Every structure is written in C-alpha cells, then in structure tokens.
C-alpha cells in the first residue's frame, strides 16, 4: 500500500546528505533503511542495501526512481525445488 499523497514519499534525510556530499561511482553508501524511496538525485550512485545479513550493492538507474530500496535487495535465497529426481535430471543435462 502506498504512502498518502499528502505526506509525500519517505526519503531518508541522512542518505540524501551523504549523496549530496559525494560523487557518483565512488564507494558504495551503506544503508539499512529498505523502506526509503529512490529519488532522481540518487541516479548513478552505488548504494549498499542491507538484506539482513550483508549489504547488497545496488547501482541506481533512472528506471528505479520512485521504487523502494528493499525491492532490489532480496532477503531470501532460493536454493531449488525437487529432490533426487531433480538431481538426476541436472546430472543428465550435464
């Protein structure tokens, strides 16, 4: 559910200050705030978004503006479906 239009998008003020004081293409800026929205000022920067274990580097592009940082840093790792039969099929494919 989106945030109220009256309130506007949520953007972390400390993150904006860090971005204004640095140059694009530099070291990743680490953040833990996954709910923060991406603004046009962030395009070209690499942001390290925390997924609960590590910081996943995310290069911000124009298509990401308006989305949340959490959308680009998955918190769950998909291993695979199947069991013995899936292993046999993968082995046969090799």
PDB file of N, CA and C in Angstrom:
ATOM      1  N   UNK A   1       0.843  -1.178   0.000  1.00  0.00           N
ATOM      2  CA  UNK A   1       0.000   0.000   0.000  1.00  0.00           C
ATOM      3  C   UNK A   1       0.888   1.241   0.000  1.00  0.00           C
ATOM      4  N   UNK A   2       0.570   2.196  -0.823  1.00  0.00           N
ATOM      5  CA  UNK A   2       1.423   3.372  -0.962  1.00  0.00           C
ATOM      6  C   UNK A   2       1.170   4.377   0.161  1.00  0.00           C
ATOM      7  N   UNK A   3       2.101   5.266   0.309  1.00  0.00           N
ATOM      8  CA  UNK A   3       2.015   6.311   1.319  1.00  0.00           C
ATOM      9  C   UNK A   3       1.056   7.401   0.845  1.00  0.00           C
ATOM     10  N   UNK A   4       0.455   8.097   1.778  1.00  0.00           N
ATOM     11  CA  UNK A   4      -0.502   9.159   1.476  1.00  0.00           C
ATOM     12  C   UNK A   4       0.128  10.248   0.609  1.00  0.00           C
ATOM     13  N   UNK A   5      -0.602  10.751  -0.372  1.00  0.00           N
ATOM     14  CA  UNK A   5      -0.103  11.825  -1.225  1.00  0.00           C
ATOM     15  C   UNK A   5       0.134  13.103  -0.413  1.00  0.00           C
ATOM     16  N   UNK A   6      -0.646  13.273   0.634  1.00  0.00           N
ATOM     17  CA  UNK A   6      -0.495  14.444   1.495  1.00  0.00           C
ATOM     18  C   UNK A   6       0.873  14.428   2.193  1.00  0.00           C
ATOM     19  N   UNK A   7       1.340  13.249   2.584  1.00  0.00           N
ATOM     20  CA  UNK A   7       2.629  13.131   3.277  1.00  0.00           C
ATOM     21  C   UNK A   7       3.806  13.125   2.311  1.00  0.00           C
ATOM     22  N   UNK A   8       3.610  12.596   1.129  1.00  0.00           N
ATOM     23  CA  UNK A   8       4.711  12.514   0.165  1.00  0.00           C
ATOM     24  C   UNK A   8       5.532  11.256   0.383  1.00  0.00           C
ATOM     25  N   UNK A   9       6.495  11.006  -0.499  1.00  0.00           N
ATOM     26  CA  UNK A   9       7.308   9.786  -0.374  1.00  0.00           C
ATOM     27  C   UNK A   9       8.271   9.877   0.807  1.00  0.00           C
ATOM     28  N   UNK A  10       8.584   8.724   1.406  1.00  0.00           N
ATOM     29  CA  UNK A  10       9.540   8.684   2.502  1.00  0.00           C
ATOM     30  C   UNK A  10      10.945   8.572   1.928  1.00  0.00           C
ATOM     31  N   UNK A  11      11.789   9.531   2.243  1.00  0.00           N
ATOM     32  CA  UNK A  11      13.186   9.520   1.821  1.00  0.00           C
ATOM     33  C   UNK A  11      14.038   9.819   3.042  1.00  0.00           C
ATOM     34  N   UNK A  12      15.034   8.988   3.282  1.00  0.00           N
ATOM     35  CA  UNK A  12      15.916   9.161   4.423  1.00  0.00           C
ATOM     36  C   UNK A  12      16.767  10.417   4.235  1.00  0.00           C
ATOM     37  N   UNK A  13      16.640  11.371   5.148  1.00  0.00           N
ATOM     38  CA  UNK A  13      17.343  12.646   5.035  1.00  0.00           C
ATOM     39  C   UNK A  13      18.859  12.473   5.155  1.00  0.00           C
ATOM     40  N   UNK A  14      19.298  11.554   6.014  1.00  0.00           N
ATOM     41  CA  UNK A  14      20.742  11.336   6.179  1.00  0.00           C
ATOM     42  C   UNK A  14      21.351  10.774   4.902  1.00  0.00           C
ATOM     43  N   UNK A  15      20.600   9.928   4.201  1.00  0.00           N
ATOM     44  CA  UNK A  15      21.084   9.373   2.943  1.00  0.00           C
ATOM     45  C   UNK A  15      21.229  10.471   1.893  1.00  0.00           C
ATOM     46  N   UNK A  16      20.260  11.388   1.833  1.00  0.00           N
ATOM     47  CA  UNK A  16      20.343  12.493   0.879  1.00  0.00           C
ATOM     48  C   UNK A  16      21.560  13.384   1.153  1.00  0.00           C
ATOM     49  N   UNK A  17      21.865  13.622   2.439  1.00  0.00           N
ATOM     50  CA  UNK A  17      23.038  14.425   2.784  1.00  0.00           C
ATOM     51  C   UNK A  17      24.314  13.737   2.329  1.00  0.00           C
ATOM     52  N   UNK A  18      24.395  12.417   2.544  1.00  0.00           N
ATOM     53  CA  UNK A  18      25.581  11.668   2.126  1.00  0.00           C
ATOM     54  C   UNK A  18      25.752  11.720   0.612  1.00  0.00           C
ATOM     55  N   UNK A  19      24.643  11.634  -0.116  1.00  0.00           N
ATOM     56  CA  UNK A  19      24.704  11.652  -1.574  1.00  0.00           C
ATOM     57  C   UNK A  19      25.121  13.033  -2.080  1.00  0.00           C
ATOM     58  N   UNK A  20      24.633  14.082  -1.457  1.00  0.00           N
ATOM     59  CA  UNK A  20      24.995  15.428  -1.877  1.00  0.00           C
ATOM     60  C   UNK A  20      26.477  15.716  -1.643  1.00  0.00           C
ATOM     61  N   UNK A  21      27.083  15.063  -0.636  1.00  0.00           N
ATOM     62  CA  UNK A  21      28.487  15.304  -0.306  1.00  0.00           C
ATOM     63  C   UNK A  21      29.450  14.349  -1.004  1.00  0.00           C
ATOM     64  N   UNK A  22      28.967  13.442  -1.843  1.00  0.00           N
ATOM     65  CA  UNK A  22      29.852  12.502  -2.525  1.00  0.00           C
ATOM     66  C   UNK A  22      29.616  12.555  -4.027  1.00  0.00           C
ATOM     67  N   UNK A  23      30.479  11.844  -4.760  1.00  0.00           N
ATOM     68  CA  UNK A  23      30.399  11.828  -6.217  1.00  0.00           C
ATOM     69  C   UNK A  23      29.934  10.452  -6.695  1.00  0.00           C
ATOM     70  N   UNK A  24      29.202  10.387  -7.828  1.00  0.00           N
ATOM     71  CA  UNK A  24      28.764   9.095  -8.356  1.00  0.00           C
ATOM     72  C   UNK A  24      29.951   8.227  -8.746  1.00  0.00           C
ATOM     73  N   UNK A  25      29.788   6.917  -8.582  1.00  0.00           N
ATOM     74  CA  UNK A  25      30.833   5.979  -8.970  1.00  0.00           C
ATOM     75  C   UNK A  25      31.845   5.728  -7.875  1.00  0.00           C
ATOM     76  N   UNK A  26      31.697   6.364  -6.741  1.00  0.00           N
ATOM     77  CA  UNK A  26      32.627   6.161  -5.634  1.00  0.00           C
ATOM     78  C   UNK A  26      32.293   4.894  -4.858  1.00  0.00           C
ATOM     79  N   UNK A  27      32.773   4.829  -3.648  1.00  0.00           N
ATOM     80  CA  UNK A  27      32.499   3.680  -2.782  1.00  0.00           C
ATOM     81  C   UNK A  27      31.004   3.606  -2.478  1.00  0.00           C
ATOM     82  N   UNK A  28      30.460   2.390  -2.328  1.00  0.00           N
ATOM     83  CA  UNK A  28      29.031   2.260  -2.031  1.00  0.00           C
ATOM     84  C   UNK A  28      28.665   2.898  -0.691  1.00  0.00           C
ATOM     85  N   UNK A  29      27.518   3.522  -0.664  1.00  0.00           N
ATOM     86  CA  UNK A  29      26.999   4.115   0.563  1.00  0.00           C
ATOM     87  C   UNK A  29      26.132   3.053   1.227  1.00  0.00           C
ATOM     88  N   UNK A  30      26.485   2.647   2.445  1.00  0.00           N
ATOM     89  CA  UNK A  30      25.751   1.585   3.137  1.00  0.00           C
ATOM     90  C   UNK A  30      24.507   2.153   3.818  1.00  0.00           C
ATOM     91  N   UNK A  31      23.376   1.467   3.606  1.00  0.00           N
ATOM     92  CA  UNK A  31      22.138   1.860   4.283  1.00  0.00           C
ATOM     93  C   UNK A  31      21.437   0.620   4.826  1.00  0.00           C
ATOM     94  N   UNK A  32      20.672   0.815   5.875  1.00  0.00           N
ATOM     95  CA  UNK A  32      19.857  -0.252   6.448  1.00  0.00           C
ATOM     96  C   UNK A  32      18.380   0.051   6.230  1.00  0.00           C
ATOM     97  N   UNK A  33      18.077   1.220   5.728  1.00  0.00           N
ATOM     98  CA  UNK A  33      16.699   1.672   5.553  1.00  0.00           C
ATOM     99  C   UNK A  33      16.143   1.197   4.208  1.00  0.00           C
ATOM    100  N   UNK A  34      15.513   0.025   4.190  1.00  0.00           N
ATOM    101  CA  UNK A  34      14.994  -0.565   2.963  1.00  0.00           C
ATOM    102  C   UNK A  34      13.701   0.114   2.507  1.00  0.00           C
ATOM    103  N   UNK A  35      13.027   0.834   3.409  1.00  0.00           N
ATOM    104  CA  UNK A  35      11.740   1.454   3.089  1.00  0.00           C
ATOM    105  C   UNK A  35      11.894   2.817   2.420  1.00  0.00           C
ATOM    106  N   UNK A  36      13.104   3.315   2.331  1.00  0.00           N
ATOM    107  CA  UNK A  36      13.350   4.625   1.737  1.00  0.00           C
ATOM    108  C   UNK A  36      13.129   4.583   0.229  1.00  0.00           C
ATOM    109  N   UNK A  37      12.508   5.627  -0.312  1.00  0.00           N
ATOM    110  CA  UNK A  37      12.259   5.717  -1.749  1.00  0.00           C
ATOM    111  C   UNK A  37      13.495   6.222  -2.477  1.00  0.00           C
ATOM    112  N   UNK A  38      13.598   5.862  -3.751  1.00  0.00           N
ATOM    113  CA  UNK A  38      14.711   6.304  -4.592  1.00  0.00           C
ATOM    114  C   UNK A  38      14.293   7.582  -5.297  1.00  0.00           C
ATOM    115  N   UNK A  39      15.153   8.605  -5.223  1.00  0.00           N
ATOM    116  CA  UNK A  39      14.874   9.902  -5.848  1.00  0.00           C
ATOM    117  C   UNK A  39      15.806  10.118  -7.040  1.00  0.00           C
ATOM    118  N   UNK A  40      15.495  11.076  -7.915  1.00  0.00           N
ATOM    119  CA  UNK A  40      16.349  11.330  -9.084  1.00  0.00           C
ATOM    120  C   UNK A  40      17.780  11.740  -8.732  1.00  0.00           C
ATOM    121  N   UNK A  41      18.012  12.316  -7.547  1.00  0.00           N
ATOM    122  CA  UNK A  41      19.360  12.710  -7.142  1.00  0.00           C
ATOM    123  C   UNK A  41      20.267  11.506  -6.925  1.00  0.00           C
ATOM    124  N   UNK A  42      19.688  10.325  -6.714  1.00  0.00           N
ATOM    125  CA  UNK A  42      20.459   9.120  -6.396  1.00  0.00           C
ATOM    126  C   UNK A  42      20.924   8.361  -7.632  1.00  0.00           C
ATOM    127  N   UNK A  43      20.498   8.778  -8.830  1.00  0.00           N
ATOM    128  CA  UNK A  43      20.850   8.068 -10.058  1.00  0.00           C
ATOM    129  C   UNK A  43      22.357   8.138 -10.282  1.00  0.00           C
ATOM    130  N   UNK A  44      22.965   6.978 -10.541  1.00  0.00           N
ATOM    131  CA  UNK A  44      24.402   6.892 -10.790  1.00  0.00           C
ATOM    132  C   UNK A  44      25.211   6.472  -9.573  1.00  0.00           C
ATOM    133  N   UNK A  45      24.610   6.483  -8.400  1.00  0.00           N
ATOM    134  CA  UNK A  45      25.314   6.097  -7.181  1.00  0.00           C
ATOM    135  C   UNK A  45      25.142   4.601  -6.927  1.00  0.00           C
ATOM    136  N   UNK A  46      26.115   4.014  -6.254  1.00  0.00           N
ATOM    137  CA  UNK A  46      26.004   2.626  -5.810  1.00  0.00           C
ATOM    138  C   UNK A  46      25.670   2.655  -4.332  1.00  0.00           C
ATOM    139  N   UNK A  47      24.557   2.022  -3.990  1.00  0.00           N
ATOM    140  CA  UNK A  47      24.075   2.002  -2.612  1.00  0.00           C
ATOM    141  C   UNK A  47      24.142   0.566  -2.108  1.00  0.00           C
ATOM    142  N   UNK A  48      24.722   0.364  -0.942  1.00  0.00           N
ATOM    143  CA  UNK A  48      24.763  -0.966  -0.317  1.00  0.00           C
ATOM    144  C   UNK A  48      23.542  -1.137   0.555  1.00  0.00           C
ATOM    145  N   UNK A  49      22.560  -1.920   0.089  1.00  0.00           N
ATOM    146  CA  UNK A  49      21.300  -2.107   0.805  1.00  0.00           C
ATOM    147  C   UNK A  49      21.397  -3.381   1.637  1.00  0.00           C
ATOM    148  N   UNK A  50      21.127  -3.268   2.920  1.00  0.00           N
ATOM    149  CA  UNK A  50      21.253  -4.412   3.836  1.00  0.00           C
ATOM    150  C   UNK A  50      20.084  -5.370   3.648  1.00  0.00           C
ATOM    151  N   UNK A  51      20.384  -6.663   3.524  1.00  0.00           N
ATOM    152  CA  UNK A  51      19.314  -7.646   3.341  1.00  0.00           C
ATOM    153  C   UNK A  51      19.106  -8.495   4.588  1.00  0.00           C
ATOM    154  N   UNK A  52      19.684  -8.104   5.708  1.00  0.00           N
ATOM    155  CA  UNK A  52      19.563  -8.863   6.940  1.00  0.00           C
ATOM    156  C   UNK A  52      20.840  -9.596   7.269  1.00  0.00           C
ATOM    157  N   UNK A  53      21.704  -9.777   6.292  1.00  0.00           N
ATOM    158  CA  UNK A  53      22.968 -10.479   6.501  1.00  0.00           C
ATOM    159  C   UNK A  53      24.150  -9.669   5.961  1.00  0.00           C
ATOM    160  N   UNK A  54      24.049  -9.216   4.721  1.00  0.00           N
ATOM    161  CA  UNK A  54      25.129  -8.455   4.079  1.00  0.00           C
ATOM    162  C   UNK A  54      24.531  -7.251   3.355  1.00  0.00           C
ATOM    163  N   UNK A  55      25.404  -6.350   2.927  1.00  0.00           N
ATOM    164  CA  UNK A  55      24.969  -5.211   2.116  1.00  0.00           C
ATOM    165  C   UNK A  55      25.084  -5.597   0.649  1.00  0.00           C
ATOM    166  N   UNK A  56      23.972  -5.578  -0.070  1.00  0.00           N
ATOM    167  CA  UNK A  56      23.936  -5.912  -1.490  1.00  0.00           C
ATOM    168  C   UNK A  56      24.138  -4.622  -2.282  1.00  0.00           C
ATOM    169  N   UNK A  57      25.188  -4.544  -3.120  1.00  0.00           N
ATOM    170  CA  UNK A  57      25.398  -3.315  -3.889  1.00  0.00           C
ATOM    171  C   UNK A  57      24.340  -3.144  -4.979  1.00  0.00           C
ATOM    172  N   UNK A  58      23.720  -1.976  -5.012  1.00  0.00           N
ATOM    173  CA  UNK A  58      22.669  -1.668  -5.985  1.00  0.00           C
ATOM    174  C   UNK A  58      23.075  -0.402  -6.732  1.00  0.00           C
ATOM    175  N   UNK A  59      23.268  -0.502  -8.047  1.00  0.00           N
ATOM    176  CA  UNK A  59      23.563   0.670  -8.867  1.00  0.00           C
ATOM    177  C   UNK A  59      22.235   1.290  -9.279  1.00  0.00           C
ATOM    178  N   UNK A  60      21.982   2.506  -8.851  1.00  0.00           N
ATOM    179  CA  UNK A  60      20.696   3.167  -9.086  1.00  0.00           C
ATOM    180  C   UNK A  60      20.645   3.707 -10.510  1.00  0.00           C
ATOM    181  N   UNK A  61      19.588   3.321 -11.258  1.00  0.00           N
ATOM    182  CA  UNK A  61      19.374   3.800 -12.616  1.00  0.00           C
ATOM    183  C   UNK A  61      18.082   4.615 -12.666  1.00  0.00           C
ATOM    184  N   UNK A  62      17.807   5.206 -13.813  1.00  0.00           N
ATOM    185  CA  UNK A  62      16.616   6.056 -13.961  1.00  0.00           C
ATOM    186  C   UNK A  62      15.325   5.269 -13.793  1.00  0.00           C
ATOM    187  N   UNK A  63      15.320   4.003 -14.181  1.00  0.00           N
ATOM    188  CA  UNK A  63      14.102   3.196 -14.084  1.00  0.00           C
ATOM    189  C   UNK A  63      13.719   2.889 -12.640  1.00  0.00           C
ATOM    190  N   UNK A  64      14.643   3.038 -11.711  1.00  0.00           N
ATOM    191  CA  UNK A  64      14.383   2.704 -10.309  1.00  0.00           C
ATOM    192  C   UNK A  64      13.745   3.851  -9.529  1.00  0.00           C
ATOM    193  N   UNK A  65      13.708   5.038 -10.092  1.00  0.00           N
ATOM    194  CA  UNK A  65      13.186   6.211  -9.378  1.00  0.00           C
ATOM    195  C   UNK A  65      11.721   5.970  -9.019  1.00  0.00           C
ATOM    196  N   UNK A  66      11.398   6.209  -7.747  1.00  0.00           N
ATOM    197  CA  UNK A  66      10.037   6.010  -7.257  1.00  0.00           C
ATOM    198  C   UNK A  66       9.850   4.682  -6.554  1.00  0.00           C
ATOM    199  N   UNK A  67      10.774   3.747  -6.732  1.00  0.00           N
ATOM    200  CA  UNK A  67      10.692   2.452  -6.063  1.00  0.00           C
ATOM    201  C   UNK A  67      11.392   2.534  -4.711  1.00  0.00           C
ATOM    202  N   UNK A  68      11.279   1.463  -3.926  1.00  0.00           N
ATOM    203  CA  UNK A  68      11.932   1.381  -2.623  1.00  0.00           C
ATOM    204  C   UNK A  68      13.237   0.593  -2.764  1.00  0.00           C
ATOM    205  N   UNK A  69      14.205   0.867  -1.895  1.00  0.00           N
ATOM    206  CA  UNK A  69      15.480   0.158  -1.942  1.00  0.00           C
ATOM    207  C   UNK A  69      15.329  -1.322  -1.663  1.00  0.00           C
ATOM    208  N   UNK A  70      14.380  -1.687  -0.820  1.00  0.00           N
ATOM    209  CA  UNK A  70      14.180  -3.092  -0.457  1.00  0.00           C
ATOM    210  C   UNK A  70      13.784  -3.975  -1.623  1.00  0.00           C
ATOM    211  N   UNK A  71      13.247  -3.393  -2.687  1.00  0.00           N
ATOM    212  CA  UNK A  71      12.834  -4.178  -3.848  1.00  0.00           C
ATOM    213  C   UNK A  71      14.024  -4.752  -4.601  1.00  0.00           C
ATOM    214  N   UNK A  72      15.201  -4.165  -4.432  1.00  0.00           N
ATOM    215  CA  UNK A  72      16.370  -4.565  -5.204  1.00  0.00           C
ATOM    216  C   UNK A  72      17.389  -5.346  -4.376  1.00  0.00           C
ATOM    217  N   UNK A  73      17.022  -5.705  -3.161  1.00  0.00           N
ATOM    218  CA  UNK A  73      17.895  -6.478  -2.286  1.00  0.00           C
ATOM    219  C   UNK A  73      17.085  -7.609  -1.654  1.00  0.00           C
ATOM    220  N   UNK A  74      17.005  -8.785  -2.323  1.00  0.00           N
ATOM    221  CA  UNK A  74      16.182  -9.868  -1.791  1.00  0.00           C
ATOM    222  C   UNK A  74      16.707 -10.376  -0.448  1.00  0.00           C
ATOM    223  N   UNK A  75      15.769 -10.703   0.445  1.00  0.00           N
ATOM    224  CA  UNK A  75      16.140 -11.164   1.782  1.00  0.00           C
ATOM    225  C   UNK A  75      16.173 -12.681   1.878  1.00  0.00           C
ATOM    226  N   UNK A  76      15.611 -13.363   0.927  1.00  0.00           N
ATOM    227  CA  UNK A  76      15.588 -14.828   0.961  1.00  0.00           C
ATOM    228  C   UNK A  76      16.348 -15.388  -0.228  1.00  0.00           C
ATOM    229  N   UNK A  77      17.079 -16.473   0.009  1.00  0.00           N
ATOM    230  CA  UNK A  77      17.878 -17.104  -1.031  1.00  0.00           C
ATOM    231  C   UNK A  77      17.155 -18.354  -1.517  1.00  0.00           C
ATOM    232  N   UNK A  78      16.847 -18.411  -2.812  1.00  0.00           N
ATOM    233  CA  UNK A  78      16.182 -19.574  -3.385  1.00  0.00           C
ATOM    234  C   UNK A  78      17.245 -20.610  -3.722  1.00  0.00           C
ATOM    235  N   UNK A  79      17.098 -21.823  -3.188  1.00  0.00           N
ATOM    236  CA  UNK A  79      18.059 -22.880  -3.456  1.00  0.00           C
ATOM    237  C   UNK A  79      17.595 -23.651  -4.680  1.00  0.00           C
ATOM    238  N   UNK A  80      16.580 -24.472  -4.555  1.00  0.00           N
ATOM    239  CA  UNK A  80      15.975 -25.155  -5.697  1.00  0.00           C
ATOM    240  C   UNK A  80      14.837 -26.036  -5.213  1.00  0.00           C
ATOM    241  N   UNK A  81      13.959 -26.412  -6.146  1.00  0.00           N
ATOM    242  CA  UNK A  81      12.901 -27.363  -5.862  1.00  0.00           C
ATOM    243  C   UNK A  81      13.395 -28.748  -6.243  1.00  0.00           C
ATOM    244  N   UNK A  82      12.668 -29.727  -5.791  1.00  0.00           N
ATOM    245  CA  UNK A  82      12.981 -31.085  -6.223  1.00  0.00           C
ATOM    246  C   UNK A  82      13.792 -31.825  -5.180  1.00  0.00           C
ATOM    247  N   UNK A  83      14.123 -33.020  -5.521  1.00  0.00           N
ATOM    248  CA  UNK A  83      14.912 -33.863  -4.630  1.00  0.00           C
ATOM    249  C   UNK A  83      15.824 -34.716  -5.475  1.00  0.00           C
ATOM    250  N   UNK A  84      15.710 -36.024  -5.294  1.00  0.00           N
ATOM    251  CA  UNK A  84      16.576 -36.955  -6.013  1.00  0.00           C
ATOM    252  C   UNK A  84      16.321 -36.897  -7.521  1.00  0.00           C
ATOM    253  N   UNK A  85      15.051 -36.786  -7.900  1.00  0.00           N
ATOM    254  CA  UNK A  85      14.706 -36.761  -9.322  1.00  0.00           C
ATOM    255  C   UNK A  85      15.288 -35.517 -10.014  1.00  0.00           C
ATOM    256  N   UNK A  86      15.226 -34.372  -9.358  1.00  0.00           N
ATOM    257  CA  UNK A  86      15.765 -33.141  -9.933  1.00  0.00           C
ATOM    258  C   UNK A  86      17.282 -33.222 -10.064  1.00  0.00           C
ATOM    259  N   UNK A  87      17.942 -33.852  -9.085  1.00  0.00           N
ATOM    260  CA  UNK A  87      19.392 -34.013  -9.151  1.00  0.00           C
ATOM    261  C   UNK A  87      19.779 -34.908 -10.323  1.00  0.00           C
ATOM    262  N   UNK A  88      19.006 -35.985 -10.514  1.00  0.00           N
ATOM    263  CA  UNK A  88      19.297 -36.898 -11.625  1.00  0.00           C
ATOM    264  C   UNK A  88      19.132 -36.199 -12.970  1.00  0.00           C
ATOM    265  N   UNK A  89      18.096 -35.360 -13.096  1.00  0.00           N
ATOM    266  CA  UNK A  89      17.881 -34.636 -14.344  1.00  0.00           C
ATOM    267  C   UNK A  89      18.984 -33.623 -14.601  1.00  0.00           C
ATOM    268  N   UNK A  90      19.427 -32.948 -13.559  1.00  0.00           N
ATOM    269  CA  UNK A  90      20.519 -31.971 -13.716  1.00  0.00           C
ATOM    270  C   UNK A  90      21.810 -32.664 -14.095  1.00  0.00           C
ATOM    271  N   UNK A  91      22.021 -33.826 -13.510  1.00  0.00           N
ATOM    272  CA  UNK A  91      23.248 -34.606 -13.810  1.00  0.00           C
ATOM    273  C   UNK A  91      23.217 -35.086 -15.253  1.00  0.00           C
ATOM    274  N   UNK A  92      22.039 -35.504 -15.723  1.00  0.00           N
ATOM    275  CA  UNK A  92      21.892 -35.982 -17.105  1.00  0.00           C
ATOM    276  C   UNK A  92      22.048 -34.838 -18.109  1.00  0.00           C
ATOM    277  N   UNK A  93      21.648 -33.631 -17.734  1.00  0.00           N
ATOM    278  CA  UNK A  93      21.766 -32.475 -18.614  1.00  0.00           C
ATOM    279  C   UNK A  93      23.222 -32.081 -18.831  1.00  0.00           C
ATOM    280  N   UNK A  94      24.072 -32.341 -17.853  1.00  0.00           N
ATOM    281  CA  UNK A  94      25.485 -32.010 -17.967  1.00  0.00           C
ATOM    282  C   UNK A  94      26.147 -33.004 -18.879  1.00  0.00           C
TER     283      UNK A  94
END
